[in-house]
Amino acid sequence: MRYRTAHLLTAVTCAALLGYAYYLEYVKYLDPCPLCMVQRLVFYVLGALFLVSGLHSAARPGRFVYAALQVAFGSLGIATAARHLWLQSLPPDQIPDCSPSLEYMVSNFPLGETLDKLLNASGDCASVDWTFLGQSMPFWTLVWFAGLTLWAAFWGLRRPHADRRIFR
C-alpha cells in the first residue's frame, strides 16, 4: 500500500466514524456531551490532516511534519477519551455537576471559559447511553485514536521508497 492510498483511506475512515456519530445523534437521538464534541472535533482535524497529507504526498520531511501533527492530535484525542472514561468510572457521589449545553456556552461565554468548561467536563459526560461489546463510546473512541496515532507514526517514520514493498 502506498502512502497516498493509506492516508486517503484513513481520511475516509475518520469520515465514516464521524458519520456514525451523527447517525447516533440524529437517528438514535443520543445527545453528545461536551467531551464527545471535543472528540468529534479531533476526528475532524485528524481526517483533514490525513486527507491533506494523502493529497500532498510529500517527501520525507513533509511526511514527518504531517505525522507529527497527526500524532499530536491523536494524542489529544486519546487524552480526551481517557478523561471521558475516567468520568464514567466515578461513583455516582463523586460525579461533577452538569454544565450548561455546548450551544449555551458558545453563545454566552468567552472562548477561553467555554474551552475550560469543555475540557473539565461535567456530570452529563458520566452517563453511559451506548455500549458495544460491553464498552462505552469513549472506550471505542480511545481505541480508534490509539490506532490512528500509531498508524500516523508508522507512515511518518517510513522511508518514502519503502512504500512499494509494504502490504504486497
C-alpha atoms as a PDB file:
ATOM      1  CA  MET A   1       0.000   0.000   0.000  1.00  0.00           C
ATOM      2  CA  ARG A   2       1.323   3.423  -0.865  1.00  0.00           C
ATOM      3  CA  TYR A   3       1.484   6.456   1.403  1.00  0.00           C
ATOM      4  CA  ARG A   4      -1.119   8.381  -0.564  1.00  0.00           C
ATOM      5  CA  THR A   5      -3.605   5.496  -0.595  1.00  0.00           C
ATOM      6  CA  ALA A   6      -3.116   4.765   3.088  1.00  0.00           C
ATOM      7  CA  HIS A   7      -3.728   8.369   4.077  1.00  0.00           C
ATOM      8  CA  LEU A   8      -6.742   8.851   1.838  1.00  0.00           C
ATOM      9  CA  LEU A   9      -8.312   5.644   3.172  1.00  0.00           C
ATOM     10  CA  THR A  10      -7.611   6.817   6.714  1.00  0.00           C
ATOM     11  CA  ALA A  11      -9.347  10.126   5.960  1.00  0.00           C
ATOM     12  CA  VAL A  12     -12.353   8.138   4.718  1.00  0.00           C
ATOM     13  CA  THR A  13     -12.235   6.114   7.951  1.00  0.00           C
ATOM     14  CA  CYS A  14     -12.373   9.319  10.009  1.00  0.00           C
ATOM     15  CA  ALA A  15     -15.320  10.499   7.906  1.00  0.00           C
ATOM     16  CA  ALA A  16     -17.093   7.168   8.493  1.00  0.00           C
ATOM     17  CA  LEU A  17     -16.550   7.446  12.260  1.00  0.00           C
ATOM     18  CA  LEU A  18     -17.977  10.962  12.214  1.00  0.00           C
ATOM     19  CA  GLY A  19     -20.880   9.738  10.099  1.00  0.00           C
ATOM     20  CA  TYR A  20     -21.650   7.093  12.702  1.00  0.00           C
ATOM     21  CA  ALA A  21     -21.530   9.720  15.453  1.00  0.00           C
ATOM     22  CA  TYR A  22     -24.062  11.820  13.526  1.00  0.00           C
ATOM     23  CA  TYR A  23     -26.196   8.728  12.966  1.00  0.00           C
ATOM     24  CA  LEU A  24     -26.290   8.119  16.714  1.00  0.00           C
ATOM     25  CA  GLU A  25     -27.130  11.764  17.340  1.00  0.00           C
ATOM     26  CA  TYR A  26     -29.817  12.345  14.707  1.00  0.00           C
ATOM     27  CA  VAL A  27     -31.307   8.879  14.165  1.00  0.00           C
ATOM     28  CA  LYS A  28     -30.887   7.265  17.585  1.00  0.00           C
ATOM     29  CA  TYR A  29     -31.313  10.615  19.417  1.00  0.00           C
ATOM     30  CA  LEU A  30     -28.240  10.279  21.613  1.00  0.00           C
ATOM     31  CA  ASP A  31     -27.132  13.771  22.575  1.00  0.00           C
ATOM     32  CA  PRO A  32     -23.346  14.221  22.652  1.00  0.00           C
ATOM     33  CA  CYS A  33     -21.797  15.602  25.819  1.00  0.00           C
ATOM     34  CA  PRO A  34     -19.085  18.294  25.762  1.00  0.00           C
ATOM     35  CA  LEU A  35     -16.257  15.720  25.763  1.00  0.00           C
ATOM     36  CA  CYS A  36     -17.966  13.881  22.902  1.00  0.00           C
ATOM     37  CA  MET A  37     -17.933  17.129  20.958  1.00  0.00           C
ATOM     38  CA  VAL A  38     -14.208  17.612  21.636  1.00  0.00           C
ATOM     39  CA  GLN A  39     -13.516  14.059  20.457  1.00  0.00           C
ATOM     40  CA  ARG A  40     -15.614  14.707  17.363  1.00  0.00           C
ATOM     41  CA  LEU A  41     -13.589  17.844  16.656  1.00  0.00           C
ATOM     42  CA  VAL A  42     -10.349  15.859  16.967  1.00  0.00           C
ATOM     43  CA  PHE A  43     -11.671  13.311  14.439  1.00  0.00           C
ATOM     44  CA  TYR A  44     -12.407  16.220  12.069  1.00  0.00           C
ATOM     45  CA  VAL A  45      -8.859  17.564  12.433  1.00  0.00           C
ATOM     46  CA  LEU A  46      -7.298  14.106  12.041  1.00  0.00           C
ATOM     47  CA  GLY A  47      -9.434  13.409   8.977  1.00  0.00           C
ATOM     48  CA  ALA A  48      -8.408  16.722   7.436  1.00  0.00           C
ATOM     49  CA  LEU A  49      -4.736  16.089   8.193  1.00  0.00           C
ATOM     50  CA  PHE A  50      -4.866  12.617   6.639  1.00  0.00           C
ATOM     51  CA  LEU A  51      -6.718  13.984   3.604  1.00  0.00           C
ATOM     52  CA  VAL A  52      -4.215  16.795   3.043  1.00  0.00           C
ATOM     53  CA  SER A  53      -1.229  14.511   3.590  1.00  0.00           C
ATOM     54  CA  GLY A  54      -2.702  11.967   1.180  1.00  0.00           C
ATOM     55  CA  LEU A  55      -3.355  14.574  -1.486  1.00  0.00           C
ATOM     56  CA  HIS A  56       0.022  16.230  -0.992  1.00  0.00           C
ATOM     57  CA  SER A  57       2.037  13.004  -0.808  1.00  0.00           C
ATOM     58  CA  ALA A  58       5.074  14.902   0.433  1.00  0.00           C
ATOM     59  CA  ALA A  59       8.697  13.768   0.566  1.00  0.00           C
ATOM     60  CA  ARG A  60      10.304  12.619   3.828  1.00  0.00           C
ATOM     61  CA  PRO A  61      10.496  15.966   5.707  1.00  0.00           C
ATOM     62  CA  GLY A  62       6.878  16.765   4.847  1.00  0.00           C
ATOM     63  CA  ARG A  63       5.726  13.293   5.837  1.00  0.00           C
ATOM     64  CA  PHE A  64       7.391  13.730   9.198  1.00  0.00           C
ATOM     65  CA  VAL A  65       5.636  17.074   9.747  1.00  0.00           C
ATOM     66  CA  TYR A  66       2.255  15.577   8.826  1.00  0.00           C
ATOM     67  CA  ALA A  67       2.904  12.609  11.087  1.00  0.00           C
ATOM     68  CA  ALA A  68       3.913  14.870  13.984  1.00  0.00           C
ATOM     69  CA  LEU A  69       0.667  16.835  13.650  1.00  0.00           C
ATOM     70  CA  GLN A  70      -1.378  13.641  13.335  1.00  0.00           C
ATOM     71  CA  VAL A  71       0.294  12.109  16.385  1.00  0.00           C
ATOM     72  CA  ALA A  72      -0.203  15.328  18.370  1.00  0.00           C
ATOM     73  CA  PHE A  73      -3.918  15.488  17.605  1.00  0.00           C
ATOM     74  CA  GLY A  74      -4.291  11.735  18.053  1.00  0.00           C
ATOM     75  CA  SER A  75      -2.711  12.098  21.494  1.00  0.00           C
ATOM     76  CA  LEU A  76      -5.166  14.885  22.297  1.00  0.00           C
ATOM     77  CA  GLY A  77      -7.978  12.529  21.308  1.00  0.00           C
ATOM     78  CA  ILE A  78      -6.529   9.763  23.487  1.00  0.00           C
ATOM     79  CA  ALA A  79      -6.305  12.126  26.468  1.00  0.00           C
ATOM     80  CA  THR A  80      -9.866  13.381  25.973  1.00  0.00           C
ATOM     81  CA  ALA A  81     -11.291   9.878  25.605  1.00  0.00           C
ATOM     82  CA  ALA A  82      -9.324   8.698  28.657  1.00  0.00           C
ATOM     83  CA  ARG A  83     -10.724  11.592  30.717  1.00  0.00           C
ATOM     84  CA  HIS A  84     -14.190  10.707  29.491  1.00  0.00           C
ATOM     85  CA  LEU A  85     -13.699   7.075  30.524  1.00  0.00           C
ATOM     86  CA  TRP A  86     -12.427   8.195  33.911  1.00  0.00           C
ATOM     87  CA  LEU A  87     -15.550  10.320  34.455  1.00  0.00           C
ATOM     88  CA  GLN A  88     -17.723   7.331  33.564  1.00  0.00           C
ATOM     89  CA  SER A  89     -15.875   5.175  36.088  1.00  0.00           C
ATOM     90  CA  LEU A  90     -16.517   7.503  39.036  1.00  0.00           C
ATOM     91  CA  PRO A  91     -19.004   6.501  41.736  1.00  0.00           C
ATOM     92  CA  PRO A  92     -22.286   8.466  41.482  1.00  0.00           C
ATOM     93  CA  ASP A  93     -21.497  10.599  44.537  1.00  0.00           C
ATOM     94  CA  GLN A  94     -18.197  11.820  43.015  1.00  0.00           C
ATOM     95  CA  ILE A  95     -19.511  12.833  39.585  1.00  0.00           C
ATOM     96  CA  PRO A  96     -19.160  16.611  38.983  1.00  0.00           C
ATOM     97  CA  ASP A  97     -22.240  18.774  38.491  1.00  0.00           C
ATOM     98  CA  CYS A  98     -23.611  19.117  34.971  1.00  0.00           C
ATOM     99  CA  SER A  99     -22.605  22.157  32.965  1.00  0.00           C
ATOM    100  CA  PRO A 100     -24.725  24.160  30.505  1.00  0.00           C
ATOM    101  CA  SER A 101     -25.157  22.876  26.951  1.00  0.00           C
ATOM    102  CA  LEU A 102     -22.433  23.500  24.393  1.00  0.00           C
ATOM    103  CA  GLU A 103     -24.671  25.858  22.397  1.00  0.00           C
ATOM    104  CA  TYR A 104     -25.336  27.946  25.503  1.00  0.00           C
ATOM    105  CA  MET A 105     -21.656  28.091  26.442  1.00  0.00           C
ATOM    106  CA  VAL A 106     -20.546  29.129  22.944  1.00  0.00           C
ATOM    107  CA  SER A 107     -23.133  31.905  22.722  1.00  0.00           C
ATOM    108  CA  ASN A 108     -22.794  33.254  26.287  1.00  0.00           C
ATOM    109  CA  PHE A 109     -19.230  32.632  27.492  1.00  0.00           C
ATOM    110  CA  PRO A 110     -15.865  33.850  26.199  1.00  0.00           C
ATOM    111  CA  LEU A 111     -13.926  31.282  24.182  1.00  0.00           C
ATOM    112  CA  GLY A 112     -11.419  30.625  26.981  1.00  0.00           C
ATOM    113  CA  GLU A 113     -14.146  29.914  29.528  1.00  0.00           C
ATOM    114  CA  THR A 114     -16.029  27.688  27.062  1.00  0.00           C
ATOM    115  CA  LEU A 115     -12.869  25.653  26.368  1.00  0.00           C
ATOM    116  CA  ASP A 116     -12.200  25.379  30.102  1.00  0.00           C
ATOM    117  CA  LYS A 117     -15.709  24.056  30.733  1.00  0.00           C
ATOM    118  CA  LEU A 118     -15.422  21.627  27.816  1.00  0.00           C
ATOM    119  CA  LEU A 119     -12.117  20.198  28.969  1.00  0.00           C
ATOM    120  CA  ASN A 120     -13.194  19.988  32.613  1.00  0.00           C
ATOM    121  CA  ALA A 121     -16.321  18.093  31.641  1.00  0.00           C
ATOM    122  CA  SER A 122     -19.348  17.724  33.808  1.00  0.00           C
ATOM    123  CA  GLY A 123     -21.754  15.050  35.015  1.00  0.00           C
ATOM    124  CA  ASP A 124     -23.509  14.708  31.697  1.00  0.00           C
ATOM    125  CA  CYS A 125     -20.286  13.167  30.400  1.00  0.00           C
ATOM    126  CA  ALA A 126     -20.503  10.438  33.048  1.00  0.00           C
ATOM    127  CA  SER A 127     -23.668   8.849  31.721  1.00  0.00           C
ATOM    128  CA  VAL A 128     -23.375   5.776  29.511  1.00  0.00           C
ATOM    129  CA  ASP A 129     -26.121   5.783  26.875  1.00  0.00           C
ATOM    130  CA  TRP A 130     -24.496   3.492  24.289  1.00  0.00           C
ATOM    131  CA  THR A 131     -22.400   0.348  24.520  1.00  0.00           C
ATOM    132  CA  PHE A 132     -20.871  -2.110  22.073  1.00  0.00           C
ATOM    133  CA  LEU A 133     -19.431  -5.388  23.323  1.00  0.00           C
ATOM    134  CA  GLY A 134     -19.929  -4.080  26.850  1.00  0.00           C
ATOM    135  CA  GLN A 135     -17.815  -0.956  26.320  1.00  0.00           C
ATOM    136  CA  SER A 136     -18.959   2.656  26.113  1.00  0.00           C
ATOM    137  CA  MET A 137     -18.394   5.146  23.304  1.00  0.00           C
ATOM    138  CA  PRO A 138     -15.307   6.769  24.928  1.00  0.00           C
ATOM    139  CA  PHE A 139     -13.619   3.363  25.100  1.00  0.00           C
ATOM    140  CA  TRP A 140     -14.110   2.820  21.383  1.00  0.00           C
ATOM    141  CA  THR A 141     -13.002   6.350  20.503  1.00  0.00           C
ATOM    142  CA  LEU A 142      -9.896   5.745  22.619  1.00  0.00           C
ATOM    143  CA  VAL A 143      -9.210   2.571  20.625  1.00  0.00           C
ATOM    144  CA  TRP A 144      -9.664   4.452  17.332  1.00  0.00           C
ATOM    145  CA  PHE A 145      -7.491   7.365  18.444  1.00  0.00           C
ATOM    146  CA  ALA A 146      -4.742   4.956  19.538  1.00  0.00           C
ATOM    147  CA  GLY A 147      -4.928   3.086  16.236  1.00  0.00           C
ATOM    148  CA  LEU A 148      -4.900   6.260  14.146  1.00  0.00           C
ATOM    149  CA  THR A 149      -2.000   7.662  16.153  1.00  0.00           C
ATOM    150  CA  LEU A 150       0.077   4.503  15.696  1.00  0.00           C
ATOM    151  CA  TRP A 151      -0.857   4.414  12.008  1.00  0.00           C
ATOM    152  CA  ALA A 152       0.290   8.031  11.564  1.00  0.00           C
ATOM    153  CA  ALA A 153       3.569   7.326  13.383  1.00  0.00           C
ATOM    154  CA  PHE A 154       4.170   4.211  11.279  1.00  0.00           C
ATOM    155  CA  TRP A 155       3.731   6.056   7.984  1.00  0.00           C
ATOM    156  CA  GLY A 156       5.594   9.134   9.192  1.00  0.00           C
ATOM    157  CA  LEU A 157       8.700   7.169  10.116  1.00  0.00           C
ATOM    158  CA  ARG A 158       8.853   5.055   6.965  1.00  0.00           C
ATOM    159  CA  ARG A 159      11.200   5.844   4.139  1.00  0.00           C
ATOM    160  CA  PRO A 160       9.279   7.051   1.054  1.00  0.00           C
ATOM    161  CA  HIS A 161      10.812   4.473  -1.313  1.00  0.00           C
ATOM    162  CA  ALA A 162       9.706   1.642   1.019  1.00  0.00           C
ATOM    163  CA  ASP A 163       6.071   2.265   0.055  1.00  0.00           C
ATOM    164  CA  ARG A 164       6.296  -0.134  -2.873  1.00  0.00           C
ATOM    165  CA  ARG A 165       7.265  -3.100  -0.727  1.00  0.00           C
ATOM    166  CA  ILE A 166       4.737  -2.964   2.111  1.00  0.00           C
ATOM    167  CA  PHE A 167       1.488  -4.913   2.057  1.00  0.00           C
ATOM    168  CA  ARG A 168       2.103  -6.516  -1.337  1.00  0.00           C
END
